Amino acid sequence: MPIEPKNLVIYKPERLTDTDDGGGKYSGQVIVDGQSNNLFDDISELDRTMGDVSMRKIFPAVNTADTDKLMGATVFISQNPKDPNVSALLFSTKSWTDERKAAQNRVENYLAKGAQAVGSLLDAAYTGMKSIQVAMDKSETENSVGDTLVLVVNEATVNETSQFVRLTAVETRIGTVRVNNTNVEYKIATYSFNDALSRDFIGISALQWYNNAKPSTLIRETIVADSGRYYASTDLVEDVSVGSFTVNAASIFSQLIPSSQVETPLLDLNAVSENTALIAGHHSNITVQYSTNVNTAQSLHLGSSVMPGSVLFTLFSQAITDMGGTLKTSAGVQVGTIDYQTGHIVWSNAIGSGNQVLNITFTPAVAPTQPFESYALPVTQNNQGTNWTGVLLPIPAPGALSISYMSQGKFYVVKDNGTGRLVGASNSVGSGTVNYQTGSWLLTTGALPDVGTPILLQWGSPITTFARADLAVLPAAIEFDLNQQGIKSGSVIAKWMLEGVEKTAMSNAQGQFSG
């Protein structure tokens, strides 16, 4: 007996609801074809205004009286919703018994915890709050509207808890903290979000942040985990003839989660970037001795900015080198990190802890204020891809190059870590290299850049500065022209006031002054 269209049916689960226990096991009841709202509820005015995600579990089957096989079985959406604000997608959890909560977790696991975000939670954020404040260095870049962050408490312990928040507004201002009778400026970023905090998150004070104290609450960025595969149908832009090898689809994307756009005014920004380029302040390395206690609760300040890749010292009888801001042994064990701009070293206890006298060799650096160079490489249908390359002139300074690209409406940034390697917040963002001798660069993006957007490069160059450390220090002098054809030797007398007292000097026969 042939299998006819009427034999293709969809069975209900135990519960056709959007509650946590929706879905469940196979019920044996057929969903009647052609009835309105027989699978999904109608769309309410509230859902149409605020957005909603509705999930239904179904069991496609062949209902015949014999054992004939359905060859090449496929499930697809044959007709898209007529409402342009409604999208339909299919995905499978590969479970016959799971409920809606498990399917929801599968969708939400699209984002996973990534690298630690810039800055530390300032003071405390309490249950019910919809904003947090983050302390960071003035040169660091805050997160943007639309980013999703994870607040993690007691990470890597049995008591670990976390909460995901999507930023809807970002504001920054400059604050000051008193350190050793000196005012130190830092940036305060205020992040706002729609979902209230579900628990208290304890941060640190501004002074603790300056001393690199480790907070109990960590702020992490998120990365795409790709925990599910989604299937949808799209309309054709134009008709396709029999024998064609190419179709022109309206879009390869479909909306899964409701979203909204938020406007955030940005004031008093530098149009040519606010990044800094580190320039060597000395022609060679210097060695300075420090007495410190190596432990995770204490940091070491070298006293100046540091050129990337120049730090060398011995710790617990092991040689330590700087690898892109990470301090490692020859075996690759990380013993700490260094912030090139501030010269702060934060320790780990990977090879030991305790009091140490360290002779640290490094090249001191400065970060002069200078306009950054910029270059935009347009993305077109002809050159769209994941590998991009070029040559930059003037040549970038170490650690001064950042490359931004947009994919699916979101900007991603990779930066030079000071060793010629381009890195992002995670490997999924992208990677690349830059050559400090030739200026050539190579970028591999983590996703296809959007057509009509630019690959944006910004960098600083060392050619606008020179090191004064090796210049001879000449005596202070003031030059005058007496506007005379000739001067009799020993006849010139100079007088001036110094702190209210008149000073006098007289020239001798050799043209030298004394007095």
Protein backbone atom coordinates (compact mmCIF):
# COMPACT_ATOMS: atom_id res chain seq x y z
CA MET A 1 0.00 0.00 0.00
CA PRO A 2 1.53 3.33 -0.99
CA ILE A 3 2.07 6.01 1.65
CA GLU A 4 -0.23 8.95 0.90
CA PRO A 5 -0.17 12.53 2.26
CA LYS A 6 -3.04 11.69 4.59
CA ASN A 7 -0.79 9.11 6.28
CA LEU A 8 1.70 11.80 7.34
CA VAL A 9 0.56 13.03 10.75
CA ILE A 10 1.84 14.96 13.76
CA TYR A 11 1.19 13.59 17.26
CA LYS A 12 0.77 15.67 20.40
CA PRO A 13 3.01 15.46 23.47
CA GLU A 14 1.51 15.23 26.95
CA ARG A 15 1.09 19.01 27.26
CA LEU A 16 0.81 21.67 24.52
CA THR A 17 1.73 24.58 26.81
CA ASP A 18 4.51 27.12 27.35
CA THR A 19 4.90 26.21 31.02
CA ASP A 20 8.10 24.59 32.29
CA ASP A 21 6.47 21.14 32.13
CA GLY A 22 5.18 21.64 28.57
CA GLY A 23 6.00 18.88 26.11
CA GLY A 24 6.81 15.56 27.74
CA LYS A 25 6.16 12.11 26.37
CA TYR A 26 4.30 10.93 23.26
CA SER A 27 0.53 11.01 23.84
CA GLY A 28 -0.84 9.11 20.84
CA GLN A 29 -3.25 11.97 19.98
CA VAL A 30 -3.12 13.35 16.44
CA ILE A 31 -3.00 17.11 15.89
CA VAL A 32 -5.89 17.74 13.50
CA ASP A 33 -4.70 19.42 10.32
CA GLY A 34 -6.27 22.73 9.30
CA GLN A 35 -7.68 23.83 12.66
CA SER A 36 -6.81 27.35 13.86
CA ASN A 37 -4.53 27.56 16.91
CA ASN A 38 -4.48 23.77 17.25
CA LEU A 39 -0.74 23.81 18.02
CA PHE A 40 0.24 27.34 19.11
CA ASP A 41 -1.83 29.88 21.03
CA ASP A 42 -3.03 32.99 19.26
CA ILE A 43 -0.77 36.06 19.52
CA SER A 44 -1.89 38.47 22.23
CA GLU A 45 -1.49 42.24 22.03
CA LEU A 46 1.05 42.06 24.87
CA ASP A 47 3.15 39.48 23.03
CA ARG A 48 2.97 41.52 19.86
CA THR A 49 4.26 44.55 21.76
CA MET A 50 6.87 42.98 24.05
CA GLY A 51 7.83 39.88 22.07
CA ASP A 52 7.51 36.22 23.03
CA VAL A 53 9.05 32.81 22.37
CA SER A 54 6.56 29.96 22.14
CA MET A 55 7.78 26.33 21.99
CA ARG A 56 5.83 23.19 21.11
CA LYS A 57 7.04 19.61 21.05
CA ILE A 58 5.71 17.45 18.21
CA PHE A 59 6.09 13.82 17.08
CA PRO A 60 5.99 13.49 13.25
CA ALA A 61 4.97 10.00 12.18
CA VAL A 62 3.65 7.79 9.36
CA ASN A 63 0.24 6.29 10.17
CA THR A 64 -0.38 3.25 7.96
CA ALA A 65 -1.69 -0.28 8.43
CA ASP A 66 1.45 -1.91 7.05
CA THR A 67 5.24 -1.64 7.44
CA ASP A 68 6.09 0.20 4.23
CA LYS A 69 9.09 2.51 4.63
CA LEU A 70 9.00 6.26 4.07
CA MET A 71 12.16 6.87 2.07
CA GLY A 72 14.09 10.11 2.60
CA ALA A 73 11.88 11.40 5.42
CA THR A 74 12.22 15.16 5.87
CA VAL A 75 10.53 17.68 8.15
CA PHE A 76 10.40 21.28 6.96
CA ILE A 77 8.31 24.45 7.15
CA SER A 78 6.35 24.54 3.91
CA GLN A 79 4.83 28.00 4.43
CA ASN A 80 6.21 30.89 6.46
CA PRO A 81 3.97 33.03 8.70
CA LYS A 82 2.26 35.86 6.83
CA ASP A 83 2.99 38.24 9.73
CA PRO A 84 6.52 39.64 9.09
CA ASN A 85 7.05 39.94 12.86
CA VAL A 86 6.58 36.20 13.38
CA SER A 87 9.27 33.65 12.55
CA ALA A 88 9.12 29.85 12.76
CA LEU A 89 12.06 27.50 13.32
CA LEU A 90 12.57 23.79 13.93
CA PHE A 91 15.12 22.16 16.23
CA SER A 92 15.51 18.85 18.04
CA THR A 93 16.66 18.05 21.58
CA LYS A 94 16.95 14.37 20.55
CA SER A 95 14.86 13.32 23.54
CA TRP A 96 11.49 11.54 23.54
CA THR A 97 10.62 12.56 27.09
CA ASP A 98 12.09 16.00 27.87
CA GLU A 99 9.96 19.02 28.72
CA ARG A 100 9.94 22.67 27.68
CA LYS A 101 12.41 23.73 30.40
CA ALA A 102 15.08 21.46 28.90
CA ALA A 103 14.40 22.79 25.40
CA GLN A 104 14.56 26.36 26.71
CA ASN A 105 17.95 25.64 28.31
CA ARG A 106 19.17 24.30 24.97
CA VAL A 107 18.23 27.59 23.30
CA GLU A 108 19.67 29.72 26.10
CA ASN A 109 22.93 27.78 26.02
CA TYR A 110 23.69 29.52 22.74
CA LEU A 111 25.84 31.74 24.95
CA ALA A 112 28.45 30.34 27.35
CA LYS A 113 30.90 31.92 29.77
CA GLY A 114 33.93 33.38 28.01
CA ALA A 115 36.99 35.39 28.97
CA GLN A 116 36.99 37.77 31.92
CA ALA A 117 35.52 41.12 30.93
CA VAL A 118 37.33 44.42 31.39
CA GLY A 119 37.00 45.91 34.86
CA SER A 120 35.85 44.82 38.31
CA LEU A 121 32.46 45.14 39.99
CA LEU A 122 32.52 48.31 42.09
CA ASP A 123 31.18 48.11 45.67
CA ALA A 124 28.04 45.93 45.63
CA ALA A 125 24.96 45.21 43.52
CA TYR A 126 21.89 44.04 45.41
CA THR A 127 18.91 41.88 44.57
CA GLY A 128 16.41 43.71 42.36
CA MET A 129 18.88 46.23 40.94
CA LYS A 130 18.95 46.73 37.17
CA SER A 131 22.38 48.33 36.87
CA ILE A 132 25.93 47.78 38.06
CA GLN A 133 29.08 49.91 38.19
CA VAL A 134 32.42 48.62 36.94
CA ALA A 135 35.86 50.14 37.64
CA MET A 136 38.54 50.04 34.93
CA ASP A 137 41.59 51.89 33.67
CA LYS A 138 40.94 55.02 31.61
CA SER A 139 42.55 53.44 28.55
CA GLU A 140 40.40 50.29 28.69
CA THR A 141 37.28 49.94 26.54
CA GLU A 142 33.98 49.29 28.24
CA ASN A 143 31.41 46.81 26.93
CA SER A 144 28.77 47.99 24.46
CA VAL A 145 24.97 48.04 24.37
CA GLY A 146 23.75 44.60 23.31
CA ASP A 147 26.63 42.69 24.92
CA THR A 148 25.74 39.84 27.26
CA LEU A 149 27.79 39.53 30.45
CA VAL A 150 27.87 36.87 33.16
CA LEU A 151 28.16 37.75 36.85
CA VAL A 152 29.83 34.78 38.57
CA VAL A 153 30.09 34.33 42.35
CA ASN A 154 32.48 31.81 43.97
CA GLU A 155 33.71 30.58 40.61
CA ALA A 156 35.07 27.01 40.42
CA THR A 157 33.57 26.04 43.80
CA VAL A 158 30.54 23.97 44.79
CA ASN A 159 28.79 27.23 45.72
CA GLU A 160 29.22 28.83 42.29
CA THR A 161 26.23 30.84 41.05
CA SER A 162 25.88 33.06 38.01
CA GLN A 163 23.47 35.33 36.16
CA PHE A 164 23.44 36.43 32.53
CA VAL A 165 22.58 40.09 31.80
CA ARG A 166 22.19 41.81 28.44
CA LEU A 167 23.26 45.46 28.45
CA THR A 168 20.63 47.99 27.37
CA ALA A 169 22.53 51.17 28.29
CA VAL A 170 26.16 52.07 28.98
CA GLU A 171 27.41 55.29 30.57
CA THR A 172 30.97 56.21 31.59
CA ARG A 173 32.56 58.88 33.76
CA ILE A 174 35.97 59.54 35.32
CA GLY A 175 36.42 59.01 39.06
CA THR A 176 39.37 59.60 41.41
CA VAL A 177 40.81 57.52 44.24
CA ARG A 178 43.38 58.73 46.81
CA VAL A 179 46.53 56.57 46.73
CA ASN A 180 49.62 57.57 48.76
CA ASN A 181 48.49 61.22 48.94
CA THR A 182 48.00 61.30 45.15
CA ASN A 183 44.74 61.42 43.22
CA VAL A 184 44.55 58.59 40.66
CA GLU A 185 41.92 58.79 37.92
CA TYR A 186 40.01 55.75 36.69
CA LYS A 187 36.97 55.03 34.54
CA ILE A 188 33.58 54.07 35.99
CA ALA A 189 31.22 52.31 33.56
CA THR A 190 27.54 52.01 34.51
CA TYR A 191 25.85 49.03 32.83
CA SER A 192 22.04 48.92 32.75
CA PHE A 193 19.89 45.89 31.86
CA ASN A 194 16.22 44.87 31.86
CA ASP A 195 16.28 41.74 34.05
CA ALA A 196 16.67 42.51 37.75
CA LEU A 197 19.47 40.82 39.69
CA SER A 198 18.33 37.59 41.33
CA ARG A 199 20.80 37.80 44.25
CA ASP A 200 23.40 40.06 45.85
CA PHE A 201 26.74 40.43 44.04
CA ILE A 202 29.61 41.78 46.17
CA GLY A 203 32.38 43.78 44.48
CA ILE A 204 35.43 45.72 45.67
CA SER A 205 36.27 49.33 46.50
CA ALA A 206 38.13 51.65 44.12
CA LEU A 207 41.28 51.39 46.26
CA GLN A 208 41.08 47.58 46.21
CA TRP A 209 40.67 47.71 42.44
CA TYR A 210 43.81 49.86 42.14
CA ASN A 211 45.73 47.31 44.22
CA ASN A 212 44.43 44.51 41.96
CA ALA A 213 42.47 42.77 44.71
CA LYS A 214 40.49 39.78 43.49
CA PRO A 215 36.72 40.31 43.89
CA SER A 216 34.36 37.51 44.91
CA THR A 217 32.21 38.41 41.88
CA LEU A 218 33.81 38.03 38.47
CA ILE A 219 32.42 39.61 35.31
CA ARG A 220 32.82 37.45 32.24
CA GLU A 221 31.98 38.00 28.60
CA THR A 222 29.99 35.43 26.64
CA ILE A 223 30.90 33.38 23.60
CA VAL A 224 28.75 31.53 21.10
CA ALA A 225 28.47 27.88 22.12
CA ASP A 226 26.42 26.68 19.11
CA SER A 227 24.58 24.16 21.30
CA GLY A 228 21.73 23.69 18.83
CA ARG A 229 20.94 23.57 15.12
CA TYR A 230 17.92 25.47 13.86
CA TYR A 231 16.07 25.00 10.58
CA ALA A 232 13.78 27.45 8.83
CA SER A 233 12.45 28.31 5.38
CA THR A 234 13.09 31.51 3.48
CA ASP A 235 11.42 33.16 0.52
CA LEU A 236 13.01 33.44 -2.91
CA VAL A 237 13.85 36.87 -4.24
CA GLU A 238 13.17 35.72 -7.81
CA ASP A 239 11.79 32.65 -9.56
CA VAL A 240 14.14 29.75 -10.28
CA SER A 241 14.10 27.87 -13.58
CA VAL A 242 14.52 24.13 -13.94
CA GLY A 243 18.21 23.27 -14.30
CA SER A 244 19.48 26.30 -12.38
CA PHE A 245 22.42 25.84 -10.03
CA THR A 246 21.88 29.05 -8.05
CA VAL A 247 18.98 30.42 -6.02
CA ASN A 248 18.68 33.93 -4.62
CA ALA A 249 17.24 33.75 -1.09
CA ALA A 250 15.81 36.71 0.81
CA SER A 251 17.97 35.98 3.89
CA ILE A 252 19.99 33.20 5.48
CA PHE A 253 19.01 34.39 8.98
CA SER A 254 15.84 34.06 11.02
CA GLN A 255 14.94 35.61 14.36
CA LEU A 256 14.85 33.27 17.34
CA ILE A 257 14.73 35.58 20.39
CA PRO A 258 12.81 38.91 20.48
CA SER A 259 15.12 41.91 20.53
CA SER A 260 14.92 45.67 20.57
CA GLN A 261 17.17 48.57 19.64
CA VAL A 262 18.36 51.07 22.23
CA GLU A 263 19.86 54.49 21.48
CA THR A 264 22.87 55.47 23.60
CA PRO A 265 24.34 58.98 23.11
CA LEU A 266 28.15 59.03 23.21
CA LEU A 267 29.61 62.36 24.32
CA ASP A 268 33.11 63.87 24.33
CA LEU A 269 34.74 60.99 22.48
CA ASN A 270 37.93 61.28 20.48
CA ALA A 271 37.09 60.83 16.80
CA VAL A 272 40.51 59.29 16.13
CA SER A 273 40.29 56.68 18.91
CA GLU A 274 41.03 56.79 22.60
CA ASN A 275 43.60 54.00 22.57
CA THR A 276 47.23 54.57 23.39
CA ALA A 277 50.48 53.47 21.77
CA LEU A 278 53.31 52.48 24.08
CA ILE A 279 56.67 53.98 23.09
CA ALA A 280 60.04 52.89 24.49
CA GLY A 281 61.34 55.41 27.03
CA HIS A 282 64.91 54.06 26.95
CA HIS A 283 67.19 52.68 24.26
CA SER A 284 67.65 49.37 26.13
CA ASN A 285 66.37 47.33 29.06
CA ILE A 286 66.89 48.41 32.65
CA THR A 287 67.06 46.20 35.74
CA VAL A 288 65.34 47.24 38.98
CA GLN A 289 65.28 45.38 42.29
CA TYR A 290 61.95 44.91 44.11
CA SER A 291 61.13 43.32 47.47
CA THR A 292 57.64 41.86 47.43
CA ASN A 293 55.43 39.09 48.74
CA VAL A 294 54.29 36.82 45.94
CA ASN A 295 50.67 35.78 46.55
CA THR A 296 47.28 36.08 44.88
CA ALA A 297 46.13 38.82 47.27
CA GLN A 298 49.01 41.20 46.51
CA SER A 299 50.33 42.79 43.32
CA LEU A 300 53.57 44.49 42.31
CA HIS A 301 53.84 47.88 40.63
CA LEU A 302 56.98 48.40 38.54
CA GLY A 303 56.69 52.19 38.67
CA SER A 304 56.20 52.89 34.97
CA SER A 305 54.61 51.60 31.80
CA VAL A 306 56.37 48.64 30.19
CA MET A 307 57.09 47.76 26.57
CA PRO A 308 55.28 44.54 25.59
CA GLY A 309 57.41 41.42 25.66
CA SER A 310 60.35 43.02 27.51
CA VAL A 311 59.86 41.68 31.06
CA LEU A 312 62.42 39.13 32.33
CA PHE A 313 63.19 37.92 35.86
CA THR A 314 63.78 34.84 37.99
CA LEU A 315 61.11 33.64 40.44
CA PHE A 316 61.67 30.69 42.78
CA SER A 317 64.74 29.70 40.71
CA GLN A 318 62.74 29.63 37.47
CA ALA A 319 63.20 32.00 34.53
CA ILE A 320 60.06 34.04 33.82
CA THR A 321 59.29 35.71 30.48
CA ASP A 322 56.49 37.91 29.22
CA MET A 323 54.28 36.33 26.56
CA GLY A 324 51.67 38.85 25.45
CA GLY A 325 50.88 40.07 28.96
CA THR A 326 51.08 36.61 30.54
CA LEU A 327 54.13 35.83 32.69
CA LYS A 328 55.19 32.22 32.18
CA THR A 329 57.99 29.82 33.02
CA SER A 330 59.98 28.04 30.32
CA ALA A 331 57.59 25.10 30.81
CA GLY A 332 54.60 27.32 30.03
CA VAL A 333 53.26 27.58 33.60
CA GLN A 334 51.55 30.93 34.20
CA VAL A 335 52.80 32.75 37.30
CA GLY A 336 50.97 36.03 36.74
CA THR A 337 49.90 38.75 34.33
CA ILE A 338 51.19 42.25 33.63
CA ASP A 339 49.33 45.37 32.55
CA TYR A 340 51.68 47.15 30.15
CA GLN A 341 50.20 50.60 30.67
CA THR A 342 50.21 50.63 34.46
CA GLY A 343 53.14 48.29 35.06
CA HIS A 344 51.03 46.23 37.49
CA ILE A 345 51.90 42.55 37.99
CA VAL A 346 49.19 40.27 39.42
CA TRP A 347 50.52 36.98 40.80
CA SER A 348 49.25 33.44 40.82
CA ASN A 349 50.54 30.76 43.18
CA ALA A 350 51.29 28.26 40.42
CA ILE A 351 54.95 27.71 41.44
CA GLY A 352 54.96 29.05 44.98
CA SER A 353 54.32 32.03 47.23
CA GLY A 354 56.19 34.04 49.84
CA ASN A 355 58.66 36.91 50.23
CA GLN A 356 61.02 37.42 47.30
CA VAL A 357 63.70 39.88 46.17
CA LEU A 358 63.29 40.19 42.40
CA ASN A 359 65.67 41.73 39.88
CA ILE A 360 63.24 42.54 37.07
CA THR A 361 64.56 43.53 33.66
CA PHE A 362 62.23 45.50 31.37
CA THR A 363 62.08 48.37 28.90
CA PRO A 364 60.25 51.36 30.41
CA ALA A 365 57.60 52.90 28.19
CA VAL A 366 55.43 55.97 27.85
CA ALA A 367 52.00 56.45 26.32
CA PRO A 368 52.00 59.85 24.58
CA THR A 369 48.74 61.40 23.47
CA GLN A 370 48.60 61.29 19.69
CA PRO A 371 45.96 60.98 16.97
CA PHE A 372 45.59 57.38 15.87
CA GLU A 373 45.85 56.27 12.28
CA SER A 374 42.77 54.57 10.83
CA TYR A 375 41.91 52.59 7.72
CA ALA A 376 38.63 51.11 6.53
CA LEU A 377 38.48 48.11 4.21
CA PRO A 378 34.96 47.78 2.73
CA VAL A 379 33.21 44.39 2.72
CA THR A 380 31.41 43.71 -0.56
CA GLN A 381 29.68 40.71 -2.09
CA ASN A 382 32.79 40.11 -4.19
CA ASN A 383 35.35 40.02 -1.37
CA GLN A 384 33.28 38.73 1.57
CA GLY A 385 35.26 36.09 3.43
CA THR A 386 36.98 35.25 6.70
CA ASN A 387 40.62 35.99 5.77
CA TRP A 388 41.78 39.59 5.38
CA THR A 389 45.25 41.03 4.88
CA GLY A 390 47.07 44.26 4.02
CA VAL A 391 50.02 46.54 4.81
CA LEU A 392 49.85 49.49 7.22
CA LEU A 393 51.88 52.68 6.85
CA PRO A 394 53.11 54.10 9.15
CA ILE A 395 54.07 50.84 10.83
CA PRO A 396 52.11 50.12 14.05
CA ALA A 397 53.76 50.29 17.44
CA PRO A 398 53.69 47.04 19.48
CA GLY A 399 50.32 46.56 21.14
CA ALA A 400 48.73 49.54 19.35
CA LEU A 401 46.69 47.86 16.58
CA SER A 402 43.00 47.02 16.93
CA ILE A 403 40.78 45.63 14.17
CA SER A 404 36.97 45.72 14.30
CA TYR A 405 34.43 44.02 12.09
CA MET A 406 30.65 43.61 12.13
CA SER A 407 28.86 40.28 11.79
CA GLN A 408 25.07 39.97 11.98
CA GLY A 409 24.86 43.55 13.24
CA LYS A 410 27.32 43.15 16.13
CA PHE A 411 30.87 44.53 16.31
CA TYR A 412 33.77 42.26 17.24
CA VAL A 413 37.28 43.48 18.07
CA VAL A 414 40.69 41.82 18.02
CA LYS A 415 43.78 43.58 19.39
CA ASP A 416 47.53 43.19 19.19
CA ASN A 417 48.74 41.73 22.49
CA GLY A 418 52.19 43.25 22.08
CA THR A 419 53.86 40.19 20.57
CA GLY A 420 52.51 40.59 17.04
CA ARG A 421 49.52 38.34 17.69
CA LEU A 422 45.94 39.57 17.24
CA VAL A 423 43.58 38.16 19.86
CA GLY A 424 39.94 38.72 20.81
CA ALA A 425 37.97 38.15 23.98
CA SER A 426 37.85 34.49 22.90
CA ASN A 427 39.13 32.38 20.03
CA SER A 428 35.66 32.46 18.45
CA VAL A 429 36.00 36.23 17.78
CA GLY A 430 39.01 35.84 15.50
CA SER A 431 42.79 35.84 15.39
CA GLY A 432 45.67 37.16 13.31
CA THR A 433 49.17 38.59 13.19
CA VAL A 434 50.93 41.91 12.59
CA ASN A 435 54.57 42.41 11.52
CA TYR A 436 56.32 45.33 13.25
CA GLN A 437 59.06 45.50 10.58
CA THR A 438 56.91 45.53 7.43
CA GLY A 439 53.50 46.66 8.69
CA SER A 440 51.76 43.66 7.10
CA TRP A 441 48.77 42.17 8.92
CA LEU A 442 46.56 39.09 8.62
CA LEU A 443 43.11 38.69 10.16
CA THR A 444 40.93 35.58 10.31
CA THR A 445 37.45 36.54 11.49
CA GLY A 446 35.36 34.23 13.62
CA ALA A 447 32.29 34.86 11.45
CA LEU A 448 31.54 36.28 8.02
CA PRO A 449 31.56 40.10 8.11
CA ASP A 450 28.35 41.77 6.94
CA VAL A 451 28.27 43.06 3.38
CA GLY A 452 28.22 46.86 3.30
CA THR A 453 30.24 47.24 6.51
CA PRO A 454 33.97 48.02 6.85
CA ILE A 455 36.88 46.14 8.37
CA LEU A 456 38.11 49.00 10.58
CA LEU A 457 41.77 49.24 11.61
CA GLN A 458 43.14 51.73 14.17
CA TRP A 459 46.74 51.96 15.31
CA GLY A 460 49.37 54.22 16.80
CA SER A 461 52.90 54.67 15.49
CA PRO A 462 56.20 55.34 17.30
CA ILE A 463 57.61 57.59 14.54
CA THR A 464 56.17 60.76 16.10
CA THR A 465 58.32 60.45 19.24
CA PHE A 466 61.98 60.06 20.24
CA ALA A 467 63.65 58.88 23.44
CA ARG A 468 65.40 61.60 25.47
CA ALA A 469 67.05 59.22 27.94
CA ASP A 470 70.37 59.20 26.00
CA LEU A 471 70.54 62.94 25.28
CA ALA A 472 73.18 65.04 27.06
CA VAL A 473 71.79 67.39 29.71
CA LEU A 474 73.15 70.89 28.91
CA PRO A 475 73.36 73.76 31.43
CA ALA A 476 70.41 76.11 31.46
CA ALA A 477 71.17 79.22 29.35
CA ILE A 478 69.48 82.37 28.03
CA GLU A 479 70.75 83.96 24.81
CA PHE A 480 70.72 87.76 24.17
CA ASP A 481 71.76 89.92 21.22
CA LEU A 482 73.24 93.29 22.33
CA ASN A 483 72.89 94.68 18.77
CA GLN A 484 76.46 96.09 18.80
CA GLN A 485 79.26 95.83 16.23
CA GLY A 486 81.82 95.07 18.92
CA ILE A 487 82.02 94.76 22.72
CA LYS A 488 84.99 95.72 24.93
CA SER A 489 86.22 92.74 26.92
CA GLY A 490 85.21 92.74 30.57
CA SER A 491 82.67 95.49 30.07
CA VAL A 492 79.41 93.52 30.13
CA ILE A 493 77.46 93.46 33.38
CA ALA A 494 74.26 91.40 33.74
CA LYS A 495 71.71 91.93 36.51
CA TRP A 496 68.54 89.96 37.33
CA MET A 497 66.13 89.30 40.19
CA LEU A 498 65.95 85.90 41.90
CA GLU A 499 63.30 85.46 44.59
CA GLY A 500 63.31 89.21 45.27
CA VAL A 501 67.11 89.50 45.49
CA GLU A 502 69.14 91.30 42.82
CA LYS A 503 71.93 89.20 41.31
CA THR A 504 74.94 90.54 39.32
CA ALA A 505 77.47 88.90 37.00
CA MET A 506 80.39 90.48 35.09
CA SER A 507 82.22 89.26 32.00
CA ASN A 508 85.99 88.71 31.86
CA ALA A 509 88.51 88.96 29.00
CA GLN A 510 87.62 85.43 27.85
CA GLY A 511 83.91 86.26 27.55
CA GLN A 512 82.90 84.24 30.62
CA PHE A 513 80.56 85.51 33.33
CA SER A 514 81.15 85.27 37.05
CA GLY A 515 79.44 86.81 40.02
